[in-house]
N, C-alpha and C. Protein backbone atom coordinates (compact mmCIF):
# COMPACT_ATOMS: atom_id res chain seq x y z
N MET A 1 13.31 -20.80 -118.34
CA MET A 1 13.07 -19.64 -119.18
C MET A 1 13.52 -18.36 -118.48
N TYR A 2 13.28 -18.25 -117.15
CA TYR A 2 13.66 -17.07 -116.39
C TYR A 2 14.64 -17.48 -115.30
N PRO A 3 15.82 -16.85 -115.26
CA PRO A 3 16.77 -17.24 -114.21
C PRO A 3 16.28 -16.80 -112.83
N GLY A 4 16.51 -17.64 -111.84
CA GLY A 4 16.15 -17.29 -110.48
C GLY A 4 14.69 -17.53 -110.19
N PRO A 5 14.31 -17.22 -108.96
CA PRO A 5 12.92 -17.45 -108.56
C PRO A 5 11.97 -16.45 -109.23
N ILE A 6 10.75 -16.86 -109.37
CA ILE A 6 9.72 -16.00 -109.97
C ILE A 6 8.67 -15.74 -108.91
N GLU A 7 8.23 -14.51 -108.82
CA GLU A 7 7.20 -14.14 -107.87
C GLU A 7 5.96 -13.73 -108.66
N VAL A 8 4.84 -14.24 -108.25
CA VAL A 8 3.59 -13.90 -108.92
C VAL A 8 2.68 -13.22 -107.91
N ASP A 9 2.17 -12.05 -108.28
CA ASP A 9 1.18 -11.36 -107.46
C ASP A 9 -0.17 -11.51 -108.14
N TRP A 10 -1.12 -12.06 -107.41
CA TRP A 10 -2.47 -12.20 -107.94
C TRP A 10 -3.31 -11.05 -107.40
N ASN A 11 -3.99 -10.37 -108.27
CA ASN A 11 -4.88 -9.29 -107.88
C ASN A 11 -6.24 -9.58 -108.48
N ILE A 12 -7.25 -9.51 -107.65
CA ILE A 12 -8.59 -9.82 -108.11
C ILE A 12 -9.46 -8.58 -107.94
N GLY A 13 -10.16 -8.25 -108.99
CA GLY A 13 -11.04 -7.10 -108.97
C GLY A 13 -11.50 -6.77 -110.37
N PRO A 14 -12.33 -5.76 -110.51
CA PRO A 14 -12.83 -5.40 -111.84
C PRO A 14 -11.69 -4.87 -112.71
N VAL A 15 -11.59 -5.39 -113.92
CA VAL A 15 -10.55 -4.95 -114.86
C VAL A 15 -10.71 -3.47 -115.17
N SER A 16 -11.92 -2.98 -115.16
CA SER A 16 -12.15 -1.56 -115.48
C SER A 16 -11.51 -0.62 -114.47
N GLN A 17 -11.22 -1.12 -113.25
CA GLN A 17 -10.61 -0.29 -112.21
C GLN A 17 -9.14 -0.63 -111.98
N ALA A 18 -8.60 -1.53 -112.78
CA ALA A 18 -7.23 -1.99 -112.56
C ALA A 18 -6.21 -1.01 -113.10
N SER A 19 -5.10 -0.93 -112.40
CA SER A 19 -3.92 -0.20 -112.87
C SER A 19 -2.71 -0.90 -112.27
N ARG A 20 -1.54 -0.59 -112.78
CA ARG A 20 -0.35 -1.25 -112.29
C ARG A 20 0.80 -0.26 -112.18
N PRO A 21 1.73 -0.52 -111.25
CA PRO A 21 2.88 0.37 -111.11
C PRO A 21 3.83 0.21 -112.29
N PRO A 22 4.62 1.23 -112.57
CA PRO A 22 5.54 1.17 -113.71
C PRO A 22 6.58 0.06 -113.61
N GLU A 23 6.91 -0.39 -112.40
CA GLU A 23 7.95 -1.38 -112.21
C GLU A 23 7.52 -2.79 -112.60
N THR A 24 6.23 -2.99 -112.85
CA THR A 24 5.73 -4.33 -113.13
C THR A 24 5.95 -4.73 -114.57
N LYS A 25 5.98 -6.05 -114.79
CA LYS A 25 6.06 -6.61 -116.14
C LYS A 25 4.95 -7.63 -116.26
N ILE A 26 4.16 -7.50 -117.27
CA ILE A 26 3.06 -8.45 -117.49
C ILE A 26 3.57 -9.55 -118.41
N VAL A 27 3.40 -10.78 -117.98
CA VAL A 27 3.83 -11.91 -118.78
C VAL A 27 2.77 -12.24 -119.82
N PHE A 28 1.50 -12.24 -119.41
CA PHE A 28 0.40 -12.43 -120.35
C PHE A 28 -0.82 -11.70 -119.80
N ALA A 29 -1.70 -11.28 -120.67
CA ALA A 29 -2.90 -10.57 -120.25
C ALA A 29 -3.98 -10.73 -121.29
N ARG A 30 -5.21 -10.76 -120.83
CA ARG A 30 -6.34 -10.80 -121.75
C ARG A 30 -6.68 -9.40 -122.21
N ARG A 31 -6.41 -8.42 -121.33
CA ARG A 31 -6.66 -7.00 -121.65
C ARG A 31 -5.47 -6.19 -121.18
N ALA A 32 -5.28 -5.06 -121.80
CA ALA A 32 -4.20 -4.17 -121.38
C ALA A 32 -4.59 -3.52 -120.05
N ILE A 33 -3.64 -3.46 -119.13
CA ILE A 33 -3.83 -2.81 -117.83
C ILE A 33 -2.97 -1.55 -117.85
N PRO A 34 -3.58 -0.39 -117.70
CA PRO A 34 -2.78 0.84 -117.79
C PRO A 34 -1.80 1.00 -116.62
N ILE A 35 -0.68 1.61 -116.94
CA ILE A 35 0.31 1.93 -115.91
C ILE A 35 -0.13 3.21 -115.23
N GLU A 36 -0.11 3.19 -113.91
CA GLU A 36 -0.48 4.36 -113.15
C GLU A 36 0.77 4.97 -112.52
N ILE A 37 1.05 6.19 -112.88
CA ILE A 37 2.16 6.90 -112.27
C ILE A 37 1.56 7.92 -111.31
N PRO A 38 1.68 7.64 -110.01
CA PRO A 38 1.07 8.54 -109.04
C PRO A 38 1.77 9.89 -109.03
N SER A 39 0.99 10.91 -108.76
CA SER A 39 1.57 12.25 -108.71
C SER A 39 2.41 12.38 -107.43
N PRO A 40 3.43 13.23 -107.48
CA PRO A 40 4.24 13.41 -106.28
C PRO A 40 3.43 14.11 -105.19
N PRO A 41 3.80 13.88 -103.94
CA PRO A 41 3.06 14.53 -102.86
C PRO A 41 3.32 16.04 -102.87
N SER A 42 2.36 16.77 -102.36
CA SER A 42 2.52 18.23 -102.25
C SER A 42 3.59 18.52 -101.19
N THR A 43 4.01 19.77 -101.13
CA THR A 43 5.00 20.17 -100.12
C THR A 43 4.50 19.87 -98.72
N GLU A 44 3.23 20.15 -98.46
CA GLU A 44 2.67 19.88 -97.14
C GLU A 44 2.65 18.39 -96.85
N GLU A 45 2.27 17.58 -97.84
CA GLU A 45 2.25 16.13 -97.65
C GLU A 45 3.67 15.60 -97.43
N ARG A 46 4.63 16.12 -98.19
CA ARG A 46 6.03 15.71 -98.02
C ARG A 46 6.51 16.05 -96.61
N ARG A 47 6.18 17.25 -96.15
CA ARG A 47 6.60 17.68 -94.82
C ARG A 47 6.00 16.77 -93.75
N ALA A 48 4.71 16.47 -93.87
CA ALA A 48 4.04 15.61 -92.89
C ALA A 48 4.62 14.19 -92.91
N GLN A 49 4.83 13.65 -94.11
CA GLN A 49 5.42 12.31 -94.23
C GLN A 49 6.83 12.29 -93.65
N ALA A 50 7.60 13.33 -93.94
CA ALA A 50 8.98 13.40 -93.44
C ALA A 50 8.98 13.48 -91.92
N ALA A 51 8.11 14.30 -91.35
CA ALA A 51 8.05 14.43 -89.89
C ALA A 51 7.68 13.09 -89.25
N ASP A 52 6.71 12.40 -89.81
CA ASP A 52 6.28 11.11 -89.27
C ASP A 52 7.39 10.06 -89.37
N ALA A 53 8.01 9.97 -90.55
CA ALA A 53 9.06 8.96 -90.76
C ALA A 53 10.29 9.25 -89.90
N LEU A 54 10.62 10.53 -89.76
CA LEU A 54 11.77 10.91 -88.94
C LEU A 54 11.52 10.58 -87.47
N ALA A 55 10.35 10.92 -86.98
CA ALA A 55 10.00 10.61 -85.59
C ALA A 55 10.00 9.09 -85.38
N PHE A 56 9.46 8.36 -86.33
CA PHE A 56 9.42 6.90 -86.23
C PHE A 56 10.84 6.33 -86.18
N PHE A 57 11.69 6.79 -87.09
CA PHE A 57 13.06 6.29 -87.14
C PHE A 57 13.77 6.47 -85.80
N TRP A 58 13.74 7.71 -85.29
CA TRP A 58 14.48 7.99 -84.06
C TRP A 58 13.81 7.40 -82.83
N ALA A 59 12.51 7.12 -82.89
CA ALA A 59 11.84 6.45 -81.77
C ALA A 59 12.16 4.96 -81.75
N MET A 60 12.31 4.35 -82.90
CA MET A 60 12.58 2.92 -82.99
C MET A 60 14.05 2.58 -82.78
N THR A 61 14.94 3.53 -83.02
CA THR A 61 16.37 3.25 -82.91
C THR A 61 16.78 2.81 -81.50
N PRO A 62 16.35 3.49 -80.43
CA PRO A 62 16.73 2.99 -79.10
C PRO A 62 16.22 1.59 -78.82
N ILE A 63 15.08 1.24 -79.35
CA ILE A 63 14.54 -0.11 -79.16
C ILE A 63 15.44 -1.12 -79.86
N ALA A 64 15.87 -0.79 -81.08
CA ALA A 64 16.78 -1.68 -81.81
C ALA A 64 18.08 -1.87 -81.04
N ILE A 65 18.60 -0.78 -80.51
CA ILE A 65 19.85 -0.85 -79.75
C ILE A 65 19.66 -1.66 -78.46
N LYS A 66 18.51 -1.51 -77.84
CA LYS A 66 18.21 -2.29 -76.63
C LYS A 66 18.26 -3.79 -76.94
N TYR A 67 17.66 -4.20 -78.05
CA TYR A 67 17.69 -5.61 -78.42
C TYR A 67 19.12 -6.08 -78.67
N VAL A 68 19.90 -5.25 -79.33
CA VAL A 68 21.30 -5.59 -79.58
C VAL A 68 22.04 -5.76 -78.26
N GLY A 69 21.86 -4.81 -77.35
CA GLY A 69 22.54 -4.87 -76.07
C GLY A 69 22.18 -6.09 -75.25
N ARG A 70 20.98 -6.61 -75.47
CA ARG A 70 20.54 -7.83 -74.77
C ARG A 70 20.97 -9.10 -75.51
N GLY A 71 21.56 -8.94 -76.69
CA GLY A 71 21.96 -10.10 -77.48
C GLY A 71 20.83 -10.74 -78.25
N GLU A 72 19.75 -10.00 -78.47
CA GLU A 72 18.58 -10.53 -79.18
C GLU A 72 18.66 -10.18 -80.67
N SER A 73 19.48 -10.94 -81.39
CA SER A 73 19.74 -10.66 -82.80
C SER A 73 18.48 -10.70 -83.67
N ARG A 74 17.62 -11.68 -83.42
CA ARG A 74 16.42 -11.80 -84.24
C ARG A 74 15.54 -10.57 -84.10
N ARG A 75 15.31 -10.14 -82.88
CA ARG A 75 14.46 -8.97 -82.66
C ARG A 75 15.14 -7.70 -83.19
N ALA A 76 16.44 -7.62 -83.04
CA ALA A 76 17.18 -6.46 -83.57
C ALA A 76 17.05 -6.41 -85.09
N SER A 77 17.09 -7.56 -85.75
CA SER A 77 16.99 -7.56 -87.22
C SER A 77 15.60 -7.08 -87.67
N SER A 78 14.57 -7.39 -86.90
CA SER A 78 13.24 -6.88 -87.22
C SER A 78 13.19 -5.36 -87.10
N GLN A 79 13.84 -4.84 -86.08
CA GLN A 79 13.90 -3.39 -85.91
C GLN A 79 14.70 -2.74 -87.03
N VAL A 80 15.78 -3.39 -87.45
CA VAL A 80 16.58 -2.85 -88.56
C VAL A 80 15.71 -2.73 -89.81
N ASP A 81 14.84 -3.70 -90.01
CA ASP A 81 13.93 -3.64 -91.16
C ASP A 81 13.02 -2.41 -91.08
N LEU A 82 12.50 -2.13 -89.89
CA LEU A 82 11.65 -0.95 -89.69
C LEU A 82 12.44 0.34 -89.92
N LEU A 83 13.65 0.39 -89.38
CA LEU A 83 14.50 1.58 -89.55
C LEU A 83 14.83 1.79 -91.02
N THR A 84 15.12 0.71 -91.71
CA THR A 84 15.46 0.79 -93.14
C THR A 84 14.28 1.34 -93.94
N GLY A 85 13.08 0.87 -93.65
CA GLY A 85 11.90 1.38 -94.35
C GLY A 85 11.70 2.87 -94.15
N ALA A 86 11.87 3.33 -92.92
CA ALA A 86 11.74 4.77 -92.64
C ALA A 86 12.84 5.56 -93.34
N PHE A 87 14.06 5.03 -93.32
CA PHE A 87 15.16 5.72 -94.00
C PHE A 87 14.90 5.82 -95.50
N ILE A 88 14.46 4.72 -96.11
CA ILE A 88 14.18 4.75 -97.56
C ILE A 88 13.12 5.80 -97.87
N GLN A 89 12.07 5.84 -97.08
CA GLN A 89 11.02 6.83 -97.31
C GLN A 89 11.59 8.25 -97.22
N LEU A 90 12.39 8.52 -96.21
CA LEU A 90 12.96 9.86 -96.05
C LEU A 90 13.96 10.18 -97.16
N TRP A 91 14.76 9.21 -97.53
CA TRP A 91 15.72 9.44 -98.63
C TRP A 91 14.97 9.82 -99.90
N ARG A 92 13.90 9.09 -100.20
CA ARG A 92 13.13 9.39 -101.41
C ARG A 92 12.43 10.74 -101.31
N LEU A 93 11.95 11.10 -100.13
CA LEU A 93 11.32 12.42 -99.97
C LEU A 93 12.33 13.54 -100.23
N VAL A 94 13.56 13.34 -99.78
CA VAL A 94 14.59 14.37 -99.93
C VAL A 94 15.20 14.36 -101.33
N GLU A 95 15.58 13.19 -101.80
CA GLU A 95 16.32 13.09 -103.06
C GLU A 95 15.44 13.06 -104.31
N LEU A 96 14.19 12.68 -104.17
CA LEU A 96 13.28 12.58 -105.32
C LEU A 96 12.02 13.40 -105.08
N PRO A 97 12.16 14.73 -104.92
CA PRO A 97 10.98 15.54 -104.57
C PRO A 97 9.87 15.50 -105.61
N ASP A 98 10.21 15.19 -106.85
CA ASP A 98 9.20 15.10 -107.89
C ASP A 98 8.86 13.65 -108.24
N GLY A 99 9.38 12.74 -107.43
CA GLY A 99 9.15 11.33 -107.68
C GLY A 99 7.82 10.87 -107.11
N PRO A 100 7.53 9.59 -107.29
CA PRO A 100 6.27 9.07 -106.77
C PRO A 100 6.24 9.14 -105.25
N ASN A 101 5.06 9.07 -104.71
CA ASN A 101 4.85 9.17 -103.28
C ASN A 101 5.58 8.03 -102.56
N PRO A 102 6.61 8.33 -101.76
CA PRO A 102 7.34 7.26 -101.10
C PRO A 102 6.58 6.61 -99.96
N ALA A 103 5.48 7.21 -99.53
CA ALA A 103 4.67 6.60 -98.47
C ALA A 103 3.73 5.54 -99.04
N ALA A 104 3.51 5.57 -100.35
CA ALA A 104 2.66 4.56 -100.98
C ALA A 104 3.40 3.23 -100.97
N PRO A 105 2.67 2.13 -100.98
CA PRO A 105 3.34 0.84 -101.01
C PRO A 105 4.30 0.77 -102.19
N PHE A 106 5.49 0.23 -101.93
CA PHE A 106 6.48 0.20 -103.00
C PHE A 106 6.83 -1.23 -103.39
N GLN A 107 5.80 -2.04 -103.53
CA GLN A 107 6.02 -3.40 -103.99
C GLN A 107 6.61 -3.34 -105.39
N ASN A 108 7.50 -4.26 -105.65
CA ASN A 108 8.12 -4.39 -106.96
C ASN A 108 8.91 -3.16 -107.37
N ARG A 109 9.23 -2.31 -106.45
CA ARG A 109 10.00 -1.12 -106.79
C ARG A 109 11.45 -1.34 -106.38
N ALA A 110 12.31 -1.34 -107.35
CA ALA A 110 13.73 -1.53 -107.07
C ALA A 110 14.30 -0.27 -106.43
N ALA A 111 15.30 -0.45 -105.62
CA ALA A 111 15.98 0.70 -105.01
C ALA A 111 16.74 1.46 -106.09
N GLU A 112 16.70 2.75 -105.99
CA GLU A 112 17.44 3.59 -106.91
C GLU A 112 18.93 3.30 -106.73
N PRO A 113 19.73 3.34 -107.79
CA PRO A 113 21.16 3.01 -107.66
C PRO A 113 21.88 3.84 -106.59
N GLU A 114 21.54 5.12 -106.48
CA GLU A 114 22.18 5.98 -105.48
C GLU A 114 21.81 5.53 -104.06
N LEU A 115 20.57 5.13 -103.88
CA LEU A 115 20.12 4.63 -102.59
C LEU A 115 20.75 3.28 -102.30
N ASP A 116 20.74 2.41 -103.28
CA ASP A 116 21.30 1.07 -103.12
C ASP A 116 22.77 1.13 -102.70
N ALA A 117 23.49 2.12 -103.21
CA ALA A 117 24.92 2.24 -102.92
C ALA A 117 25.20 2.62 -101.46
N ILE A 118 24.27 3.30 -100.80
CA ILE A 118 24.52 3.77 -99.43
C ILE A 118 23.73 2.99 -98.38
N LEU A 119 22.84 2.13 -98.80
CA LEU A 119 21.95 1.45 -97.86
C LEU A 119 22.68 0.36 -97.08
N PRO A 120 22.81 0.53 -95.76
CA PRO A 120 23.45 -0.51 -94.95
C PRO A 120 22.56 -1.75 -94.90
N ARG A 121 23.20 -2.92 -94.92
CA ARG A 121 22.45 -4.17 -94.93
C ARG A 121 23.03 -5.16 -93.94
N LEU A 122 22.14 -5.98 -93.41
CA LEU A 122 22.56 -7.10 -92.58
C LEU A 122 23.03 -8.23 -93.50
N GLY A 123 23.96 -9.03 -93.01
CA GLY A 123 24.44 -10.18 -93.78
C GLY A 123 23.61 -11.41 -93.50
N TRP A 124 24.08 -12.55 -93.98
CA TRP A 124 23.36 -13.80 -93.78
C TRP A 124 23.34 -14.20 -92.32
N GLU A 125 24.44 -13.95 -91.65
CA GLU A 125 24.49 -14.25 -90.22
C GLU A 125 24.42 -12.92 -89.48
N ILE A 126 23.47 -12.81 -88.58
CA ILE A 126 23.25 -11.56 -87.86
C ILE A 126 23.63 -11.77 -86.40
N THR A 127 24.68 -11.09 -85.99
CA THR A 127 25.11 -11.12 -84.60
C THR A 127 24.74 -9.78 -83.98
N PRO A 128 24.74 -9.68 -82.66
CA PRO A 128 24.49 -8.38 -82.05
C PRO A 128 25.46 -7.32 -82.56
N ASP A 129 26.72 -7.69 -82.73
CA ASP A 129 27.72 -6.73 -83.21
C ASP A 129 27.41 -6.27 -84.64
N SER A 130 27.08 -7.20 -85.52
CA SER A 130 26.79 -6.81 -86.91
C SER A 130 25.50 -5.99 -87.00
N ALA A 131 24.51 -6.34 -86.16
CA ALA A 131 23.26 -5.56 -86.15
C ALA A 131 23.52 -4.14 -85.68
N LEU A 132 24.34 -4.01 -84.64
CA LEU A 132 24.65 -2.67 -84.14
C LEU A 132 25.41 -1.85 -85.18
N THR A 133 26.30 -2.49 -85.91
CA THR A 133 27.03 -1.79 -86.98
C THR A 133 26.07 -1.25 -88.02
N VAL A 134 25.07 -2.04 -88.41
CA VAL A 134 24.09 -1.59 -89.40
C VAL A 134 23.23 -0.47 -88.82
N ILE A 135 22.82 -0.59 -87.58
CA ILE A 135 22.00 0.46 -86.94
C ILE A 135 22.78 1.77 -86.91
N GLN A 136 24.05 1.71 -86.53
CA GLN A 136 24.85 2.93 -86.49
C GLN A 136 25.05 3.51 -87.89
N ALA A 137 25.21 2.66 -88.88
CA ALA A 137 25.35 3.14 -90.26
C ALA A 137 24.05 3.80 -90.74
N LEU A 138 22.91 3.21 -90.40
CA LEU A 138 21.62 3.84 -90.74
C LEU A 138 21.48 5.20 -90.07
N CYS A 139 21.90 5.28 -88.82
CA CYS A 139 21.84 6.56 -88.10
C CYS A 139 22.73 7.61 -88.78
N SER A 140 23.91 7.20 -89.20
CA SER A 140 24.81 8.13 -89.90
C SER A 140 24.20 8.62 -91.20
N GLU A 141 23.60 7.71 -91.95
CA GLU A 141 22.94 8.10 -93.21
C GLU A 141 21.77 9.04 -92.93
N MET A 142 21.03 8.74 -91.86
CA MET A 142 19.90 9.59 -91.49
C MET A 142 20.39 10.99 -91.13
N GLU A 143 21.47 11.07 -90.38
CA GLU A 143 22.00 12.38 -90.00
C GLU A 143 22.44 13.18 -91.22
N ARG A 144 22.88 12.49 -92.27
CA ARG A 144 23.23 13.20 -93.52
C ARG A 144 22.00 13.84 -94.17
N LEU A 145 20.84 13.27 -93.89
CA LEU A 145 19.59 13.83 -94.44
C LEU A 145 19.07 15.01 -93.63
N HIS A 146 19.53 15.17 -92.41
CA HIS A 146 18.98 16.20 -91.51
C HIS A 146 18.98 17.61 -92.12
N PRO A 147 20.06 18.09 -92.76
CA PRO A 147 20.00 19.44 -93.33
C PRO A 147 18.90 19.58 -94.40
N SER A 148 18.73 18.56 -95.22
CA SER A 148 17.67 18.61 -96.24
C SER A 148 16.29 18.57 -95.60
N LEU A 149 16.16 17.82 -94.51
CA LEU A 149 14.88 17.77 -93.81
C LEU A 149 14.58 19.12 -93.14
N GLU A 150 15.61 19.76 -92.61
CA GLU A 150 15.42 21.09 -92.03
C GLU A 150 14.98 22.08 -93.10
N ALA A 151 15.47 21.92 -94.32
CA ALA A 151 15.03 22.77 -95.42
C ALA A 151 13.54 22.56 -95.72
N LEU A 152 13.03 21.39 -95.39
CA LEU A 152 11.59 21.11 -95.53
C LEU A 152 10.80 21.58 -94.31
N GLU A 153 11.51 22.19 -93.37
CA GLU A 153 10.93 22.65 -92.11
C GLU A 153 10.53 21.49 -91.20
N VAL A 154 11.35 20.44 -91.23
CA VAL A 154 11.19 19.30 -90.35
C VAL A 154 12.42 19.28 -89.45
N SER A 155 12.21 19.38 -88.15
CA SER A 155 13.32 19.48 -87.20
C SER A 155 13.73 18.11 -86.67
N PRO A 156 14.99 17.74 -86.89
CA PRO A 156 15.49 16.49 -86.32
C PRO A 156 15.60 16.59 -84.79
N PRO A 157 15.39 15.49 -84.10
CA PRO A 157 15.48 15.50 -82.63
C PRO A 157 16.94 15.40 -82.18
N ARG A 158 17.64 16.51 -82.15
CA ARG A 158 19.09 16.53 -81.88
C ARG A 158 19.47 15.86 -80.56
N GLU A 159 18.70 16.11 -79.50
CA GLU A 159 19.03 15.50 -78.21
C GLU A 159 18.89 13.98 -78.27
N LEU A 160 17.88 13.50 -78.97
CA LEU A 160 17.69 12.06 -79.10
C LEU A 160 18.82 11.44 -79.90
N VAL A 161 19.29 12.14 -80.92
CA VAL A 161 20.40 11.64 -81.73
C VAL A 161 21.63 11.43 -80.84
N THR A 162 21.89 12.37 -79.96
CA THR A 162 23.01 12.25 -79.03
C THR A 162 22.80 11.08 -78.07
N GLU A 163 21.59 10.92 -77.57
CA GLU A 163 21.28 9.81 -76.66
C GLU A 163 21.42 8.46 -77.36
N VAL A 164 21.03 8.41 -78.62
CA VAL A 164 21.15 7.16 -79.38
C VAL A 164 22.62 6.77 -79.50
N ALA A 165 23.49 7.74 -79.75
CA ALA A 165 24.93 7.46 -79.84
C ALA A 165 25.45 6.92 -78.51
N THR A 166 24.99 7.50 -77.41
CA THR A 166 25.40 7.01 -76.10
C THR A 166 24.91 5.59 -75.86
N LEU A 167 23.66 5.32 -76.21
CA LEU A 167 23.11 3.96 -76.07
C LEU A 167 23.88 2.96 -76.92
N ALA A 168 24.24 3.37 -78.13
CA ALA A 168 25.00 2.48 -79.01
C ALA A 168 26.35 2.13 -78.40
N ASN A 169 27.00 3.11 -77.80
CA ASN A 169 28.28 2.84 -77.13
C ASN A 169 28.10 1.88 -75.96
N LEU A 170 27.03 2.06 -75.19
CA LEU A 170 26.74 1.14 -74.08
C LEU A 170 26.48 -0.28 -74.60
N ALA A 171 25.71 -0.37 -75.67
CA ALA A 171 25.41 -1.69 -76.25
C ALA A 171 26.68 -2.35 -76.76
N ARG A 172 27.55 -1.58 -77.39
CA ARG A 172 28.82 -2.14 -77.90
C ARG A 172 29.65 -2.68 -76.73
N SER A 173 29.68 -1.96 -75.62
CA SER A 173 30.41 -2.43 -74.44
C SER A 173 29.77 -3.70 -73.88
N ALA A 174 28.45 -3.73 -73.83
CA ALA A 174 27.75 -4.91 -73.32
C ALA A 174 28.04 -6.13 -74.19
N ILE A 175 28.12 -5.92 -75.49
CA ILE A 175 28.41 -7.04 -76.40
C ILE A 175 29.82 -7.55 -76.16
N ARG A 176 30.79 -6.65 -76.05
CA ARG A 176 32.19 -7.04 -75.84
C ARG A 176 32.40 -7.73 -74.50
N GLU A 177 31.79 -7.18 -73.47
CA GLU A 177 32.05 -7.65 -72.11
C GLU A 177 31.06 -8.71 -71.64
N GLY A 178 29.97 -8.88 -72.38
CA GLY A 178 28.92 -9.78 -71.94
C GLY A 178 29.27 -11.24 -72.09
N PRO A 179 28.41 -12.11 -71.57
CA PRO A 179 28.64 -13.55 -71.68
C PRO A 179 28.55 -14.01 -73.13
N SER A 180 29.10 -15.16 -73.41
CA SER A 180 29.10 -15.69 -74.78
C SER A 180 27.68 -15.89 -75.29
N SER A 181 26.70 -16.05 -74.41
CA SER A 181 25.30 -16.23 -74.85
C SER A 181 24.78 -14.98 -75.57
N MET A 182 25.43 -13.84 -75.34
CA MET A 182 25.02 -12.62 -76.05
C MET A 182 25.50 -12.61 -77.49
N GLN A 183 26.34 -13.53 -77.85
CA GLN A 183 26.89 -13.55 -79.20
C GLN A 183 26.08 -14.45 -80.14
N ARG A 184 24.87 -14.81 -79.72
CA ARG A 184 24.03 -15.66 -80.55
C ARG A 184 23.81 -15.02 -81.91
N ALA A 185 23.88 -15.83 -82.93
CA ALA A 185 23.64 -15.34 -84.28
C ALA A 185 22.23 -15.75 -84.72
N PHE A 186 21.68 -14.95 -85.57
CA PHE A 186 20.37 -15.22 -86.17
C PHE A 186 20.61 -15.45 -87.64
N ARG A 187 20.15 -16.56 -88.15
CA ARG A 187 20.37 -16.88 -89.57
C ARG A 187 19.05 -17.01 -90.26
């Protein structure tokens, strides 16, 4: 009846307190569950969320690059997931100022087409080289957000951005010159 896999989320609690995000589809229900559209965060909340996500992104990036440089594809892919989450949050804070709170859980929320078009992704086979390419692409996309973040009065860590680029170059050299064991793929 439905092409592809189906995911079911079970939620248990009083129906009188239930609400659901707009992205959900109810297949069957005994009672109507209202859609809850959360209000957008205030300017102060947006600024605080942006500062936290930006700091998190740039703090986690050297760790991701370290894993790549060591040839640890699996661990690097986990870091890429963390970086991607922070980037998505910041993109939504900048590009959708009147949108729902991007810090709220975004289960069942599809990526906006504009975001989907620019979001770097890992492939089925993850090598240190491919992971580093995605990390560098995420960093480039993040740097494109910096002027908009500065308009929110959130200062990007410029010195760290430069250091990350240097680390990425070192990791790329380590991958090229390192032993074949550094070329392990994670599938």
